[in-house]
Structures are given as C-alpha cells and as structure tokens.
Protein backbone atom coordinates (compact mmCIF):
# COMPACT_ATOMS: atom_id res chain seq x y z
CA UNK A 1 14.23 -0.66 11.68
CA UNK A 2 11.27 -0.60 14.21
CA UNK A 3 11.40 3.71 14.00
CA UNK A 4 11.63 3.31 10.00
CA UNK A 5 8.64 1.21 10.01
CA UNK A 6 6.72 3.67 12.19
CA UNK A 7 7.03 6.76 10.47
CA UNK A 8 6.77 4.91 7.22
CA UNK A 9 3.65 3.23 8.78
CA UNK A 10 2.62 7.16 9.44
CA UNK A 11 3.18 8.08 5.70
CA UNK A 12 0.95 4.88 4.30
CA UNK A 13 -1.54 6.07 6.76
CA UNK A 14 -1.35 10.13 6.14
CA UNK A 15 -0.57 9.77 2.30
CA UNK A 16 -4.51 8.77 1.14
CA UNK A 17 -5.69 11.71 3.53
CA UNK A 18 -3.12 14.30 3.11
CA UNK A 19 -4.88 17.66 1.47
CA UNK A 20 -1.06 19.03 1.22
CA UNK A 21 0.04 21.67 -1.83
CA UNK A 22 1.53 20.54 -5.01
CA UNK A 23 4.77 21.51 -4.06
CA UNK A 24 4.79 20.11 -0.44
CA UNK A 25 3.76 17.13 -2.55
CA UNK A 26 6.55 17.45 -4.54
CA UNK A 27 8.68 17.90 -1.52
CA UNK A 28 7.91 15.07 -0.33
CA UNK A 29 8.99 12.95 -3.29
CA UNK A 30 12.09 14.26 -3.55
CA UNK A 31 13.02 13.21 -0.15
CA UNK A 32 11.35 9.47 -0.68
CA UNK A 33 13.69 9.28 -3.41
CA UNK A 34 16.67 10.06 -1.26
CA UNK A 35 15.66 7.78 1.35
CA UNK A 36 15.27 5.20 -1.41
CA UNK A 37 18.62 5.84 -2.96
CA UNK A 38 19.95 6.03 0.76
CA UNK A 39 18.82 2.68 1.72
CA UNK A 40 19.53 0.46 -1.27
CA UNK A 41 23.28 1.32 -1.68
CA UNK A 42 25.24 -1.54 -1.35
CA UNK A 43 21.95 -4.01 -1.08
CA UNK A 44 22.98 -7.42 -1.84
CA UNK A 45 20.48 -10.07 -3.66
CA UNK A 46 17.59 -10.82 -2.01
CA UNK A 47 17.35 -14.48 -0.02
CA UNK A 48 14.59 -15.90 1.93
CA UNK A 49 15.20 -16.15 5.50
CA UNK A 50 13.95 -19.33 7.91
CA UNK A 51 13.78 -19.26 11.58
CA UNK A 52 15.55 -21.74 13.20
CA UNK A 53 13.71 -21.88 16.43
CA UNK A 54 10.43 -22.65 17.16
CA UNK A 55 11.28 -20.45 19.53
CA UNK A 56 12.11 -17.79 17.70
CA UNK A 57 8.33 -17.66 16.76
CA UNK A 58 7.53 -16.73 20.21
CA UNK A 59 9.41 -13.66 20.32
CA UNK A 60 9.13 -9.77 19.11
CA UNK A 61 10.30 -10.48 15.77
CA UNK A 62 7.18 -13.31 14.95
CA UNK A 63 8.01 -13.29 11.13
CA UNK A 64 9.24 -8.75 11.20
CA UNK A 65 8.53 -8.33 7.49
CA UNK A 66 5.20 -10.16 7.41
CA UNK A 67 2.74 -7.75 5.46
CA UNK A 68 0.19 -8.83 8.33
CA UNK A 69 1.58 -8.46 11.51
CA UNK A 70 5.71 -7.68 11.28
CA UNK A 71 7.00 -4.82 12.66
CA UNK A 72 9.34 -4.01 10.38
CA UNK A 73 6.74 -3.34 7.91
CA UNK A 74 5.61 -0.14 7.20
CA UNK A 75 2.30 -2.31 5.25
CA UNK A 76 2.17 -3.93 8.53
CA UNK A 77 -1.28 -2.32 10.52
CA UNK A 78 -0.40 -2.34 14.61
CA UNK A 79 -0.83 -5.45 15.75
CA UNK A 80 -0.01 -6.63 19.38
CA UNK A 81 -0.65 -10.04 19.89
CA UNK A 82 0.60 -12.75 22.68
CA UNK A 83 1.09 -16.62 22.91
CA UNK A 84 -0.44 -19.00 25.65
CA UNK A 85 -1.17 -22.24 25.52
CA UNK A 86 -4.64 -22.07 24.04
CA UNK A 87 -3.24 -20.40 20.85
CA UNK A 88 -2.93 -17.06 20.20
CA UNK A 89 -4.60 -13.34 21.13
CA UNK A 90 -4.57 -9.73 20.68
CA UNK A 91 -5.68 -6.49 19.09
CA UNK A 92 -5.30 -4.75 15.14
CA UNK A 93 -5.83 -1.11 14.33
CA UNK A 94 -6.57 -0.54 10.67
CA UNK A 95 -6.29 2.67 9.00
CA UNK A 96 -7.55 4.21 5.91
CA UNK A 97 -5.32 2.16 3.84
CA UNK A 98 -7.05 -0.35 4.69
CA UNK A 99 -10.81 1.11 3.47
CA UNK A 100 -13.27 -1.41 1.92
CA UNK A 101 -16.31 -0.09 1.98
CA UNK A 102 -16.42 3.35 3.90
CA UNK A 103 -15.27 3.36 7.05
CA UNK A 104 -14.86 -0.67 7.12
CA UNK A 105 -12.30 -3.06 6.52
CA UNK A 106 -11.47 -4.46 3.29
CA UNK A 107 -12.63 -8.06 3.20
CA UNK A 108 -9.60 -9.33 1.01
CA UNK A 109 -7.31 -7.12 3.83
CA UNK A 110 -9.14 -9.79 6.42
CA UNK A 111 -8.82 -12.91 4.78
CA UNK A 112 -5.06 -12.41 4.77
CA UNK A 113 -4.68 -11.41 8.35
CA UNK A 114 -6.52 -14.93 8.92
CA UNK A 115 -4.16 -15.94 7.14
CA UNK A 116 -1.25 -15.25 8.46
CA UNK A 117 -2.61 -15.71 11.82
CA UNK A 118 -3.62 -19.07 11.94
CA UNK A 119 -0.02 -19.81 10.19
CA UNK A 120 1.21 -18.08 13.01
CA UNK A 121 -1.05 -19.96 15.81
CA UNK A 122 0.39 -23.11 13.74
CA UNK A 123 3.66 -22.21 13.94
CA UNK A 124 3.91 -21.67 17.54
CA UNK A 125 2.22 -25.04 18.37
CA UNK A 126 5.22 -26.69 16.31
CA UNK A 127 2.70 -27.64 13.11
CA UNK A 128 3.65 -25.21 10.51
CA UNK A 129 2.50 -25.30 7.40
CA UNK A 130 1.29 -24.14 3.87
CA UNK A 131 -2.54 -23.10 3.77
CA UNK A 132 -4.47 -25.38 2.12
CA UNK A 133 -7.73 -23.98 2.02
CA UNK A 134 -9.38 -20.45 3.64
CA UNK A 135 -12.56 -20.15 4.97
CA UNK A 136 -13.83 -16.60 5.63
CA UNK A 137 -16.78 -16.19 7.35
CA UNK A 138 -18.10 -12.21 7.23
CA UNK A 139 -20.51 -11.90 10.34
CA UNK A 140 -20.82 -7.95 10.15
CA UNK A 141 -18.84 -5.18 9.21
CA UNK A 142 -15.05 -4.83 10.53
CA UNK A 143 -14.65 -0.96 11.67
CA UNK A 144 -11.50 1.23 10.75
CA UNK A 145 -9.87 2.72 14.05
CA UNK A 146 -11.23 0.83 16.39
CA UNK A 147 -9.06 -2.07 18.24
CA UNK A 148 -10.22 -5.68 17.33
CA UNK A 149 -9.80 -8.26 19.34
CA UNK A 150 -8.46 -11.37 18.03
CA UNK A 151 -8.57 -15.03 19.09
CA UNK A 152 -6.27 -18.06 17.31
CA UNK A 153 -6.29 -21.95 18.10
CA UNK A 154 -4.72 -24.94 16.38
CA UNK A 155 -6.20 -27.96 16.85
CA UNK A 156 -4.03 -31.54 16.81
CA UNK A 157 -2.78 -32.79 13.20
CA UNK A 158 -4.34 -35.45 11.76
CA UNK A 159 -1.45 -36.57 9.48
CA UNK A 160 -0.17 -34.20 7.82
CA UNK A 161 -2.70 -32.00 8.22
CA UNK A 162 -3.39 -28.94 10.75
CA UNK A 163 -6.59 -27.46 11.03
CA UNK A 164 -6.77 -23.54 12.80
CA UNK A 165 -9.75 -21.76 13.51
CA UNK A 166 -9.59 -17.75 14.32
CA UNK A 167 -12.46 -14.99 15.35
CA UNK A 168 -12.08 -11.31 15.06
CA UNK A 169 -13.92 -9.08 16.93
CA UNK A 170 -15.44 -5.20 17.61
CA UNK A 171 -15.83 -4.87 21.31
CA UNK A 172 -18.77 -7.89 21.94
CA UNK A 173 -19.48 -8.14 17.84
CA UNK A 174 -18.70 -10.46 15.88
CA UNK A 175 -16.66 -9.18 12.80
CA UNK A 176 -15.62 -12.43 11.14
CA UNK A 177 -14.44 -15.57 11.65
CA UNK A 178 -11.94 -18.18 9.79
CA UNK A 179 -11.15 -22.30 9.44
CA UNK A 180 -8.00 -22.89 7.82
CA UNK A 181 -6.68 -26.61 6.44
CA UNK A 182 -2.77 -26.66 6.07
CA UNK A 183 -0.43 -28.81 4.63
CA UNK A 184 2.96 -29.46 6.89
CA UNK A 185 6.18 -29.42 4.29
CA UNK A 186 9.09 -31.34 4.98
CA UNK A 187 11.62 -28.29 6.23
CA UNK A 188 14.62 -29.19 3.82
CA UNK A 189 12.33 -30.29 0.52
CA UNK A 190 10.70 -26.41 1.32
CA UNK A 191 13.73 -24.69 1.47
CA UNK A 192 15.05 -26.53 -1.59
CA UNK A 193 11.68 -25.71 -3.47
CA UNK A 194 11.78 -22.29 -2.03
CA UNK A 195 15.84 -21.16 -3.01
CA UNK A 196 15.11 -22.75 -6.47
CA UNK A 197 17.38 -25.79 -6.05
CA UNK A 198 14.70 -28.34 -5.74
CA UNK A 199 12.49 -29.66 -9.28
CA UNK A 200 9.17 -28.82 -8.47
CA UNK A 201 10.89 -25.14 -8.56
CA UNK A 202 11.35 -25.75 -11.95
CA UNK A 203 7.73 -27.03 -12.93
CA UNK A 204 9.10 -30.75 -11.91
CA UNK A 205 8.04 -33.32 -9.34
C-alpha cells in the first residue's frame, strides 16, 4: 500500500509539470484506467474505520488515509512526525500540486494541514475532539519544495473543550501558526452519527 501511494504521489507531482506529447498522455490515461479497474474489482461498500486504542495514534499507521498525513493516501504530502511528551514535531514538504501563489503553498492547504495536526496532537494526548474553531495566522509565505518544520501541542482540557496550538517554519522563518478549539464527543455517539444510526445523522437532535 505504501508503494502504491508513493507511486501515485509521483504521478500527482508530475501531472501539472509534464510536457509529454499527446500520445504519451493517452497511454498513461489507458494505464490508469486499467489500474483503477483492477483496484475496484470486488471492492466492498465503504464504511468508516475507527481506531480501537490510543496506541494506534502513536504508530506509523496514524490516520493512514488522511489527506494531509496519511502514508497510504497519495494526496498527502510527504510528512514525517514523531510524538513526544510535549506534543508532535516533524517535517513536511509540499510540491507544485499544493501551490497557491507562484512558488508558495496555498493558504487553504496550510489551514487543512493545521487542522489535521491539531486534531492529531489532541488524539495523542487522549483528548480527541471535533474542530469547533480554527484560527490561522499567516506570518510569511510558505515555500514549495522546502523541508518545513512544524510543532504542535495540546493544552489541558476544560470540560469538553480542548485547545491546541501549532506553528510552521521554513528554517528560522515563521510561516504560519494556528490555534484550535475542539469539542470532545462521546465515542459511541460519534460512531452512531457517522454511520447514520443516530437521530442527529438524519437531522434529529
């Protein structure tokens, strides 16, 4: 799965930059259509998967299909991170598929990355919740093709509310920082809502 995600990630990286002739593009499209057919054979109905223990969040399999940090999701940029008592730290590298202003990471991508990062650090601290508010401060442009450094930490919860903070750096230059407010939800109720078996999933209260 990692090999498949890595090769697809390369495809995503090359697609907007390619100058291949039309016959090559058609050939690649044929190969991709065949690959999609092979992967789709016998595919079961999709259902959400919930981690069974906090330990899963500290492993290499953390959110494996996340669009921001998932090792098996080709849409996720290369991200390396580690958990420690103070929170999460690591590096990320964004290619042209994530471009906003020329040569820079799109601001919306940065916001999505922070949202995932803050959720992750809360999960690792045993205080997982849903995003209620996300505030991002863009301090400078965030360059493409640069090993960016990030840090995140979760603050002690207050009732059902959890606050978390994160920052993103290019070398010694602060690119952006974020603060999030999260609301902890009963796990069983959340699974019921997600799977459609709770009245709230159908517009109830």
